[in-house]
Amino acid sequence: MDTRARLRELPSVDELLGRQHARELAKKHGRTLVVEGARAALAEARRRIFAGETSAAAVGEADLAQAVERLLAWRLRRVLNATGVVLHTNLGRAPLAEAAIERVLEVARGYSTLEFDVASGQRGSRQAPIADSLCALTGAEAALAVNNNAAAMLLALAALAHGREVIVSRGELVEIGGGFRIPEVLTQSGARLVEVGTTNRTRTADYVSAIAPATALFLKVHRSNFALVGFTEEASIADLAPAARDAGLALVYDLGSGDLDEARRTLAEGASLVCFSGDKLLGGPQAGLIVGARTLMDRIAKHPLARAVRLDKMSIAALEATLALHRAGRAEEIPAVRALLEKPVAVRKRAERLASLLAAAGVVAEVVESEGQVGGGAMPLEKLPSAAVRIAAPARDLLLALRAGETPVIAIVRDDRVLLDVKALDEGELGEVARMVGAAVERLAKFTSTSTPTGLEAVRVFDADAEGET
């Protein structure tokens, strides 16, 4: 039968919706969703026909039910991070500490003092729960939190340098994730970029020689996601601070993924303001933190853009709890911090435990040495000693099967073998990883016993299986 004839055999949307099982689905989920599911099921049938598949061009009860279930499925899902990258941007960066999760749940369940002062009965500030802790931890006079570090930089530059010049080293005009570039952030803030020095060498004198009546500030940018090596030189905060002070200029440092200790150090060395992330080395929720001189912070807080990039109540709750753990000397309770500080021997023991669980599930595996990464654009040259479990199965198909499980397992491939690096896996997740891997290997064996799915067909088969197709 040719393609056109097979396409003509497909039912119309109305015909499909008129069937008994479709009417039952509509009662349960609503007609609008079932109509969308019918269209999706028919589109999938047409795709398979055009792909030359020989199966009948029928759209049955199971096809429609699965299409509706896919529409109902959560798009944002929990995964098991077996990549060895602790702050994996694609996987949500830092997992929250239990204390932070509890605070989010408490605040999310009802009303809160988000912008209300219970002592005075007057309007309060949403910055109040976090400003004191940030100041105590960094030595800053004032602090502010917004929704990410790019927003923190944009806000600071818009408030302090709109219509004026900002001096930056050519070696620090970086691009961060998603294609965002420092020159473009400067442009959006209304400031004018003045480049000084060269890509590999910039001195304090280069900044000083570029000062003009329109100059607003010196901007130093941490090269979070790459490193310059070899014949290099850069002006440090300690070098630039006296020059900025003598010229009556602010010195702003974009610390990127830097931590609280580094923020404290750079402020002590003379930085006017420091901007850094809350969801990287700090181990909290996504946030951009600005700490520094009160006179500058007051200008930033009053800028109209501050409202556009402010944090919501749940992020503030999580950040307040995370900062409280740092302030109490309990940072090891934060998963990302604990993973970064963990000794290699403990990581090895966890890998051995996972290998034992896999063996009990009938999966052939062995423990091997591995190298983890900090991730999140932090410490690009830093390698974290780690351990992994290597699985004896076809790497490409197993990766697909692992991603298609009830809880996706995100692994890596080296030397054509799948590795489950345990650096970012918690002890309590090992049993679940073993179950997901065992199920994936079993599915893979079932499929390869008849025919080996490859390419897009492998993705389709495994995804369908994850949704309950038999």
Protein backbone atom coordinates (compact mmCIF):
# COMPACT_ATOMS: atom_id res chain seq x y z
CA MET A 1 0.00 0.00 0.00
CA ASP A 2 1.43 3.40 -0.93
CA THR A 3 1.87 6.34 1.43
CA ARG A 4 -1.20 8.24 0.26
CA ALA A 5 -3.46 5.24 0.71
CA ARG A 6 -2.16 4.65 4.23
CA LEU A 7 -2.69 8.31 5.12
CA ARG A 8 -6.29 8.11 3.88
CA GLU A 9 -6.90 5.24 6.30
CA LEU A 10 -6.22 7.48 9.28
CA PRO A 11 -9.34 8.66 11.12
CA SER A 12 -10.19 12.35 11.38
CA VAL A 13 -9.95 14.16 14.70
CA ASP A 14 -13.77 14.19 14.96
CA GLU A 15 -13.97 10.47 14.25
CA LEU A 16 -11.36 9.74 16.87
CA LEU A 17 -13.15 11.93 19.44
CA GLY A 18 -16.43 10.16 18.77
CA ARG A 19 -15.15 6.82 20.02
CA GLN A 20 -16.18 5.59 23.45
CA HIS A 21 -12.71 5.63 25.01
CA ALA A 22 -12.16 9.22 23.79
CA ARG A 23 -15.43 10.32 25.41
CA GLU A 24 -14.36 8.68 28.66
CA LEU A 25 -11.00 10.45 28.52
CA ALA A 26 -12.79 13.76 27.89
CA LYS A 27 -14.94 13.26 31.00
CA LYS A 28 -11.81 12.66 33.07
CA HIS A 29 -9.44 15.25 31.62
CA GLY A 30 -11.62 17.68 29.67
CA ARG A 31 -12.38 17.84 25.96
CA THR A 32 -9.72 20.46 25.17
CA LEU A 33 -6.88 18.24 26.36
CA VAL A 34 -8.24 15.17 24.57
CA VAL A 35 -8.56 17.13 21.31
CA GLU A 36 -4.93 18.11 21.64
CA GLY A 37 -4.04 14.47 22.36
CA ALA A 38 -5.97 13.27 19.30
CA ARG A 39 -4.08 15.67 17.09
CA ALA A 40 -0.77 14.56 18.59
CA ALA A 41 -1.63 10.86 18.10
CA LEU A 42 -2.56 11.45 14.46
CA ALA A 43 0.60 13.49 13.88
CA GLU A 44 2.68 10.62 15.26
CA ALA A 45 0.87 8.14 12.99
CA ARG A 46 1.57 10.35 9.96
CA ARG A 47 5.22 10.64 10.98
CA ARG A 48 5.55 6.86 11.13
CA ILE A 49 3.90 6.45 7.73
CA PHE A 50 6.23 8.99 6.11
CA ALA A 51 9.17 7.24 7.79
CA GLY A 52 8.20 4.09 5.90
CA GLU A 53 7.13 2.00 8.87
CA THR A 54 5.13 -1.02 7.80
CA SER A 55 2.77 -1.14 10.78
CA ALA A 56 -0.90 -0.46 10.11
CA ALA A 57 -1.94 3.18 10.04
CA ALA A 58 -4.44 2.74 12.84
CA VAL A 59 -4.77 5.06 15.82
CA GLY A 60 -6.19 2.98 18.63
CA GLU A 61 -7.28 3.44 22.21
CA ALA A 62 -3.76 3.00 23.55
CA ASP A 63 -2.33 5.59 21.12
CA LEU A 64 -4.78 8.24 22.23
CA ALA A 65 -4.39 7.40 25.92
CA GLN A 66 -0.59 7.62 25.67
CA ALA A 67 -0.81 10.94 23.81
CA VAL A 68 -2.98 12.37 26.56
CA GLU A 69 -0.67 11.01 29.28
CA ARG A 70 2.31 12.69 27.60
CA LEU A 71 0.46 15.99 27.64
CA LEU A 72 -0.26 15.53 31.34
CA ALA A 73 3.29 14.52 32.26
CA TRP A 74 5.50 17.00 34.12
CA ARG A 75 8.10 18.62 31.89
CA LEU A 76 10.29 19.67 34.81
CA ARG A 77 11.34 16.37 36.34
CA ARG A 78 13.74 15.12 38.94
CA VAL A 79 16.81 13.29 37.57
CA LEU A 80 19.70 11.35 39.06
CA ASN A 81 22.98 13.14 38.34
CA ALA A 82 25.64 10.53 37.52
CA THR A 83 27.79 12.91 35.47
CA GLY A 84 30.29 13.84 38.17
CA VAL A 85 29.49 17.54 37.65
CA VAL A 86 28.37 18.94 40.99
CA LEU A 87 26.90 22.26 39.79
CA HIS A 88 25.45 21.01 36.51
CA THR A 89 23.68 23.97 34.88
CA ASN A 90 21.47 21.81 32.67
CA LEU A 91 20.40 19.74 35.68
CA GLY A 92 19.49 22.66 37.95
CA ARG A 93 22.85 23.39 39.60
CA ALA A 94 22.93 23.11 43.40
CA PRO A 95 20.37 20.89 45.16
CA LEU A 96 18.97 22.65 48.19
CA ALA A 97 19.77 21.70 51.78
CA GLU A 98 16.97 20.05 53.74
CA ALA A 99 16.69 23.16 55.92
CA ALA A 100 16.15 25.29 52.81
CA ILE A 101 13.53 22.87 51.43
CA GLU A 102 11.63 22.97 54.74
CA ARG A 103 11.65 26.78 54.74
CA VAL A 104 10.31 26.86 51.16
CA LEU A 105 7.49 24.46 52.05
CA GLU A 106 6.57 26.46 55.14
CA VAL A 107 6.45 29.77 53.27
CA ALA A 108 4.74 28.34 50.16
CA ARG A 109 1.86 26.77 52.12
CA GLY A 110 0.39 30.06 53.29
CA TYR A 111 0.94 33.75 53.80
CA SER A 112 4.21 35.23 55.02
CA THR A 113 5.95 38.40 56.16
CA LEU A 114 7.36 38.93 52.66
CA GLU A 115 6.87 42.70 52.77
CA PHE A 116 5.34 43.20 56.21
CA ASP A 117 6.98 44.22 59.48
CA VAL A 118 5.04 42.54 62.29
CA ALA A 119 6.66 44.76 64.95
CA SER A 120 5.49 48.06 63.45
CA GLY A 121 2.54 46.80 61.45
CA GLN A 122 3.93 48.69 58.46
CA ARG A 123 5.22 47.65 55.07
CA GLY A 124 8.55 45.85 55.28
CA SER A 125 11.34 44.93 52.86
CA ARG A 126 11.66 41.57 51.13
CA GLN A 127 15.43 42.01 51.43
CA ALA A 128 15.28 41.99 55.25
CA PRO A 129 15.48 38.17 55.70
CA ILE A 130 18.77 37.95 53.80
CA ALA A 131 20.57 41.31 54.03
CA ASP A 132 21.81 40.91 57.62
CA SER A 133 23.26 37.46 56.93
CA LEU A 134 24.98 38.58 53.73
CA CYS A 135 26.52 41.55 55.52
CA ALA A 136 27.66 39.40 58.45
CA LEU A 137 29.20 36.79 56.13
CA THR A 138 30.97 39.22 53.78
CA GLY A 139 31.68 42.27 55.92
CA ALA A 140 29.62 44.46 53.56
CA GLU A 141 27.77 47.58 54.69
CA ALA A 142 24.67 46.63 52.71
CA ALA A 143 23.37 43.80 50.52
CA LEU A 144 20.70 43.06 47.94
CA ALA A 145 19.49 39.88 46.22
CA VAL A 146 17.93 39.62 42.75
CA ASN A 147 17.00 36.71 40.50
CA ASN A 148 20.46 35.85 39.08
CA ASN A 149 23.96 37.24 38.76
CA ALA A 150 23.44 38.58 35.23
CA ALA A 151 20.52 40.61 36.63
CA ALA A 152 22.71 41.77 39.51
CA MET A 153 25.30 43.09 37.07
CA LEU A 154 22.69 44.69 34.82
CA LEU A 155 21.05 46.42 37.78
CA ALA A 156 24.32 47.67 39.28
CA LEU A 157 25.54 49.06 35.96
CA ALA A 158 22.18 50.66 35.14
CA ALA A 159 22.04 52.36 38.54
CA LEU A 160 25.66 53.51 38.66
CA ALA A 161 26.81 53.99 35.07
CA HIS A 162 23.85 54.72 32.78
CA GLY A 163 24.99 57.16 30.09
CA ARG A 164 28.58 57.00 31.32
CA GLU A 165 31.71 54.93 30.67
CA VAL A 166 32.80 51.68 32.28
CA ILE A 167 36.42 50.58 31.97
CA VAL A 168 37.00 46.83 31.51
CA SER A 169 40.02 44.71 30.58
CA ARG A 170 39.82 43.09 27.14
CA GLY A 171 40.77 39.80 28.77
CA GLU A 172 37.59 39.90 30.89
CA LEU A 173 34.97 40.51 28.20
CA VAL A 174 33.59 37.05 28.74
CA GLU A 175 30.57 35.19 27.45
CA ILE A 176 28.62 33.23 30.03
CA GLY A 177 26.10 30.42 29.48
CA GLY A 178 23.33 30.86 26.95
CA GLY A 179 25.29 33.35 24.84
CA PHE A 180 25.11 36.27 27.29
CA ARG A 181 28.13 38.53 26.90
CA ILE A 182 29.50 41.20 29.21
CA PRO A 183 29.61 43.85 26.43
CA GLU A 184 25.93 43.21 25.70
CA VAL A 185 24.98 43.47 29.38
CA LEU A 186 26.81 46.79 29.47
CA THR A 187 24.94 48.01 26.42
CA GLN A 188 21.57 47.05 27.88
CA SER A 189 22.41 48.92 31.09
CA GLY A 190 22.92 52.12 29.12
CA ALA A 191 26.63 52.28 29.98
CA ARG A 192 29.40 52.67 27.40
CA LEU A 193 32.19 50.12 27.31
CA VAL A 194 35.82 51.24 27.30
CA GLU A 195 38.23 48.36 26.63
CA VAL A 196 41.77 48.52 27.98
CA GLY A 197 44.86 46.31 27.80
CA THR A 198 45.11 43.20 25.67
CA THR A 199 43.51 39.77 25.82
CA ASN A 200 46.34 38.31 27.87
CA ARG A 201 47.89 41.29 29.67
CA THR A 202 46.24 44.25 31.36
CA ARG A 203 47.86 46.47 34.01
CA THR A 204 46.50 49.01 36.47
CA ALA A 205 48.08 51.76 34.37
CA ASP A 206 45.84 50.76 31.46
CA TYR A 207 42.75 51.50 33.55
CA VAL A 208 44.14 54.78 34.84
CA SER A 209 45.12 56.04 31.39
CA ALA A 210 41.54 55.47 30.14
CA ILE A 211 39.88 57.62 32.84
CA ALA A 212 37.87 60.47 31.36
CA PRO A 213 35.24 62.94 32.64
CA ALA A 214 32.51 60.48 31.60
CA THR A 215 34.03 57.52 33.48
CA ALA A 216 31.71 56.02 36.11
CA LEU A 217 33.60 52.98 37.37
CA PHE A 218 36.16 50.25 36.92
CA LEU A 219 34.61 46.83 36.27
CA LYS A 220 36.55 43.66 36.95
CA VAL A 221 35.04 40.37 35.74
CA HIS A 222 36.03 36.95 37.06
CA ARG A 223 36.76 34.53 34.22
CA SER A 224 34.50 31.88 35.73
CA ASN A 225 34.18 29.49 32.79
CA PHE A 226 37.64 29.65 31.20
CA ALA A 227 41.25 30.38 32.12
CA LEU A 228 44.14 32.23 30.50
CA VAL A 229 47.51 30.53 30.89
CA GLY A 230 51.01 31.34 29.72
CA PHE A 231 52.22 34.91 29.14
CA THR A 232 49.50 36.67 31.17
CA GLU A 233 49.06 39.53 33.60
CA GLU A 234 46.02 41.12 35.19
CA ALA A 235 45.31 43.90 37.65
CA SER A 236 43.94 42.54 40.91
CA ILE A 237 41.30 44.15 43.12
CA ALA A 238 44.06 45.16 45.52
CA ASP A 239 45.90 46.84 42.61
CA LEU A 240 42.84 48.64 41.25
CA ALA A 241 41.29 49.81 44.52
CA PRO A 242 43.77 52.67 45.26
CA ALA A 243 43.58 53.89 41.65
CA ALA A 244 39.76 53.89 41.70
CA ARG A 245 39.71 55.63 45.07
CA ASP A 246 42.16 58.34 43.96
CA ALA A 247 40.01 59.01 40.88
CA GLY A 248 36.76 59.04 42.86
CA LEU A 249 35.43 56.02 40.97
CA ALA A 250 33.57 52.91 42.10
CA LEU A 251 35.27 49.53 41.68
CA VAL A 252 32.73 46.80 40.86
CA TYR A 253 33.72 43.13 40.80
CA ASP A 254 31.63 40.52 39.01
CA LEU A 255 32.72 37.50 40.99
CA GLY A 256 30.46 35.15 39.02
CA SER A 257 30.18 31.84 40.83
CA GLY A 258 32.51 32.92 43.61
CA ASP A 259 31.85 32.08 47.23
CA LEU A 260 31.28 34.06 50.42
CA ASP A 261 34.93 33.93 51.52
CA GLU A 262 36.09 35.38 48.21
CA ALA A 263 33.44 38.09 48.40
CA ARG A 264 34.64 39.02 51.89
CA ARG A 265 38.28 39.07 50.74
CA THR A 266 37.67 41.27 47.72
CA LEU A 267 35.62 43.75 49.74
CA ALA A 268 38.44 43.91 52.29
CA GLU A 269 40.87 44.56 49.44
CA GLY A 270 38.87 47.61 48.38
CA ALA A 271 36.11 46.58 45.99
CA SER A 272 33.14 48.97 46.21
CA LEU A 273 30.65 46.30 45.17
CA VAL A 274 30.83 42.55 44.58
CA CYS A 275 28.22 40.60 42.59
CA PHE A 276 28.02 36.79 42.70
CA SER A 277 25.63 33.84 42.35
CA GLY A 278 23.55 32.20 45.04
CA ASP A 279 23.05 28.86 43.28
CA LYS A 280 26.65 27.88 42.61
CA LEU A 281 29.39 27.65 45.22
CA LEU A 282 27.07 29.11 47.83
CA GLY A 283 24.78 26.10 47.33
CA GLY A 284 21.46 27.93 47.45
CA PRO A 285 18.64 28.81 45.03
CA GLN A 286 19.13 30.77 41.84
CA ALA A 287 19.95 34.33 42.88
CA GLY A 288 22.27 37.22 42.15
CA LEU A 289 23.82 38.76 45.26
CA ILE A 290 25.19 42.32 45.47
CA VAL A 291 27.20 43.34 48.53
CA GLY A 292 29.21 46.48 49.25
CA ALA A 293 29.15 50.17 50.14
CA ARG A 294 25.85 51.48 51.51
CA THR A 295 25.85 54.67 49.44
CA LEU A 296 26.07 52.67 46.22
CA MET A 297 23.65 50.00 47.39
CA ASP A 298 21.04 52.65 48.20
CA ARG A 299 21.20 53.90 44.61
CA ILE A 300 20.86 50.36 43.29
CA ALA A 301 17.92 49.49 45.55
CA LYS A 302 16.00 52.60 44.41
CA HIS A 303 16.50 51.96 40.69
CA PRO A 304 13.26 50.98 38.85
CA LEU A 305 14.94 47.86 37.44
CA ALA A 306 15.32 46.48 40.99
CA ARG A 307 11.62 45.62 41.07
CA ALA A 308 11.78 43.88 37.69
CA VAL A 309 14.53 41.48 38.83
CA ARG A 310 13.51 40.92 42.45
CA LEU A 311 13.32 37.49 44.08
CA ASP A 312 10.06 35.70 44.86
CA LYS A 313 9.13 34.54 48.36
CA MET A 314 10.20 30.92 47.89
CA SER A 315 13.66 31.86 46.62
CA ILE A 316 14.06 34.27 49.54
CA ALA A 317 13.06 31.52 51.99
CA ALA A 318 15.59 29.09 50.48
CA LEU A 319 18.32 31.73 50.40
CA GLU A 320 17.65 32.79 54.00
CA ALA A 321 17.99 29.18 55.18
CA THR A 322 21.14 28.56 53.10
CA LEU A 323 22.83 31.69 54.43
CA ALA A 324 21.82 30.71 57.97
CA LEU A 325 23.67 27.39 57.56
CA HIS A 326 26.80 29.22 56.40
CA ARG A 327 26.51 31.68 59.27
CA ALA A 328 26.09 28.87 61.83
CA GLY A 329 29.15 26.99 60.54
CA ARG A 330 26.96 24.18 59.17
CA ALA A 331 27.72 24.58 55.46
CA GLU A 332 28.47 20.85 55.20
CA GLU A 333 24.70 20.29 55.38
CA ILE A 334 24.40 21.92 51.95
CA PRO A 335 24.62 19.13 49.31
CA ALA A 336 26.83 21.00 46.82
CA VAL A 337 29.24 22.17 49.52
CA ARG A 338 29.41 18.67 50.98
CA ALA A 339 30.11 17.15 47.55
CA LEU A 340 32.87 19.64 46.80
CA LEU A 341 34.59 19.04 50.14
CA GLU A 342 34.19 15.25 50.23
CA LYS A 343 37.32 13.10 50.51
CA PRO A 344 38.14 10.75 47.58
CA VAL A 345 38.03 7.69 49.85
CA ALA A 346 34.40 8.41 50.72
CA VAL A 347 33.52 8.80 47.04
CA ARG A 348 35.21 5.47 46.27
CA LYS A 349 33.20 3.70 48.97
CA ARG A 350 29.99 5.08 47.50
CA ALA A 351 30.94 3.78 44.06
CA GLU A 352 31.67 0.35 45.54
CA ARG A 353 28.27 0.39 47.23
CA LEU A 354 26.58 1.20 43.92
CA ALA A 355 28.51 -1.58 42.16
CA SER A 356 27.28 -4.07 44.78
CA LEU A 357 23.68 -2.94 44.33
CA LEU A 358 24.01 -3.26 40.55
CA ALA A 359 25.49 -6.74 40.87
CA ALA A 360 22.52 -7.76 43.01
CA ALA A 361 20.28 -6.47 40.20
CA GLY A 362 22.15 -8.63 37.67
CA VAL A 363 24.06 -5.76 36.03
CA VAL A 364 27.72 -6.42 35.13
CA ALA A 365 29.71 -3.42 36.37
CA GLU A 366 33.09 -2.45 37.83
CA VAL A 367 34.41 0.48 39.87
CA VAL A 368 36.88 2.76 38.09
CA GLU A 369 38.63 6.03 38.85
CA SER A 370 37.03 9.16 37.45
CA GLU A 371 37.34 12.94 37.46
CA GLY A 372 34.45 15.12 38.50
CA GLN A 373 34.01 18.83 37.89
CA VAL A 374 32.74 21.75 39.91
CA GLY A 375 30.51 22.97 37.05
CA GLY A 376 28.33 26.06 36.90
CA GLY A 377 31.13 28.05 35.30
CA ALA A 378 33.21 27.75 38.47
CA MET A 379 36.88 26.72 38.59
CA PRO A 380 37.21 25.52 34.97
CA LEU A 381 40.66 23.98 35.53
CA GLU A 382 39.74 22.27 38.80
CA LYS A 383 39.35 18.48 38.59
CA LEU A 384 37.69 16.64 41.44
CA PRO A 385 39.03 13.15 42.22
CA SER A 386 36.07 10.84 41.89
CA ALA A 387 34.99 7.26 41.26
CA ALA A 388 32.49 5.74 38.88
CA VAL A 389 30.82 2.47 38.03
CA ARG A 390 31.44 1.29 34.46
CA ILE A 391 28.73 -0.84 32.87
CA ALA A 392 29.41 -3.50 30.27
CA ALA A 393 26.66 -2.64 27.76
CA PRO A 394 26.43 -0.77 24.42
CA ALA A 395 26.99 2.82 25.49
CA ARG A 396 24.75 4.70 23.08
CA ASP A 397 21.63 2.60 23.51
CA LEU A 398 22.12 2.35 27.28
CA LEU A 399 22.33 6.15 27.59
CA LEU A 400 18.99 6.43 25.79
CA ALA A 401 17.44 3.78 28.00
CA LEU A 402 18.70 5.47 31.17
CA ARG A 403 17.24 8.81 30.12
CA ALA A 404 13.90 7.18 29.35
CA GLY A 405 13.39 5.62 32.76
CA GLU A 406 10.78 6.54 35.35
CA THR A 407 13.46 8.68 37.00
CA PRO A 408 16.03 9.55 34.30
CA VAL A 409 19.64 8.72 35.07
CA ILE A 410 22.04 11.15 33.39
CA ALA A 411 25.39 9.43 32.86
CA ILE A 412 28.55 9.92 30.82
CA VAL A 413 30.44 7.86 28.21
CA ARG A 414 34.16 7.16 28.16
CA ASP A 415 35.88 4.66 25.88
CA ASP A 416 32.47 3.58 24.55
CA ARG A 417 31.24 2.52 27.99
CA VAL A 418 28.66 4.16 30.23
CA LEU A 419 30.06 5.52 33.48
CA LEU A 420 27.96 6.37 36.51
CA ASP A 421 30.10 8.91 38.36
CA VAL A 422 28.97 9.06 41.99
CA LYS A 423 30.49 12.46 42.91
CA ALA A 424 27.12 14.23 42.71
CA LEU A 425 25.03 11.26 43.86
CA ASP A 426 23.83 11.14 47.44
CA GLU A 427 24.10 7.91 49.43
CA GLY A 428 20.32 7.77 49.63
CA GLU A 429 20.02 7.81 45.83
CA LEU A 430 22.17 4.73 45.16
CA GLY A 431 19.35 2.21 45.53
CA GLU A 432 17.18 4.16 43.12
CA VAL A 433 20.04 4.45 40.62
CA ALA A 434 20.56 0.69 40.78
CA ARG A 435 16.85 0.06 40.14
CA MET A 436 16.74 2.47 37.21
CA VAL A 437 19.90 0.99 35.67
CA GLY A 438 18.64 -2.57 36.15
CA ALA A 439 15.34 -1.68 34.45
CA ALA A 440 17.18 0.06 31.59
CA VAL A 441 19.49 -2.90 31.00
CA GLU A 442 16.51 -5.26 31.05
CA ARG A 443 14.64 -3.14 28.49
CA LEU A 444 17.74 -2.92 26.35
CA ALA A 445 18.15 -6.71 26.39
CA LYS A 446 14.49 -7.15 25.46
CA PHE A 447 14.75 -4.82 22.49
CA THR A 448 18.11 -6.09 21.23
CA SER A 449 16.93 -9.70 21.43
CA THR A 450 14.66 -8.98 18.47
CA SER A 451 16.13 -5.96 16.73
CA THR A 452 18.52 -3.26 17.81
CA PRO A 453 16.87 0.17 17.84
CA THR A 454 19.15 2.93 16.68
CA GLY A 455 18.97 6.63 15.95
CA LEU A 456 15.62 8.38 16.37
CA GLU A 457 13.82 5.05 16.50
CA ALA A 458 15.73 4.17 19.67
CA VAL A 459 14.61 7.41 21.28
CA ARG A 460 11.01 6.75 20.25
CA VAL A 461 11.02 3.17 21.50
CA PHE A 462 12.56 3.96 24.87
CA ASP A 463 10.38 7.03 25.44
CA ALA A 464 7.30 5.01 24.64
CA ASP A 465 8.40 2.30 27.05
CA ALA A 466 8.90 4.91 29.78
CA GLU A 467 5.30 5.97 29.32
CA GLY A 468 4.08 2.42 29.85
CA GLU A 469 3.94 0.98 26.31
CA THR A 470 4.20 -2.79 26.22
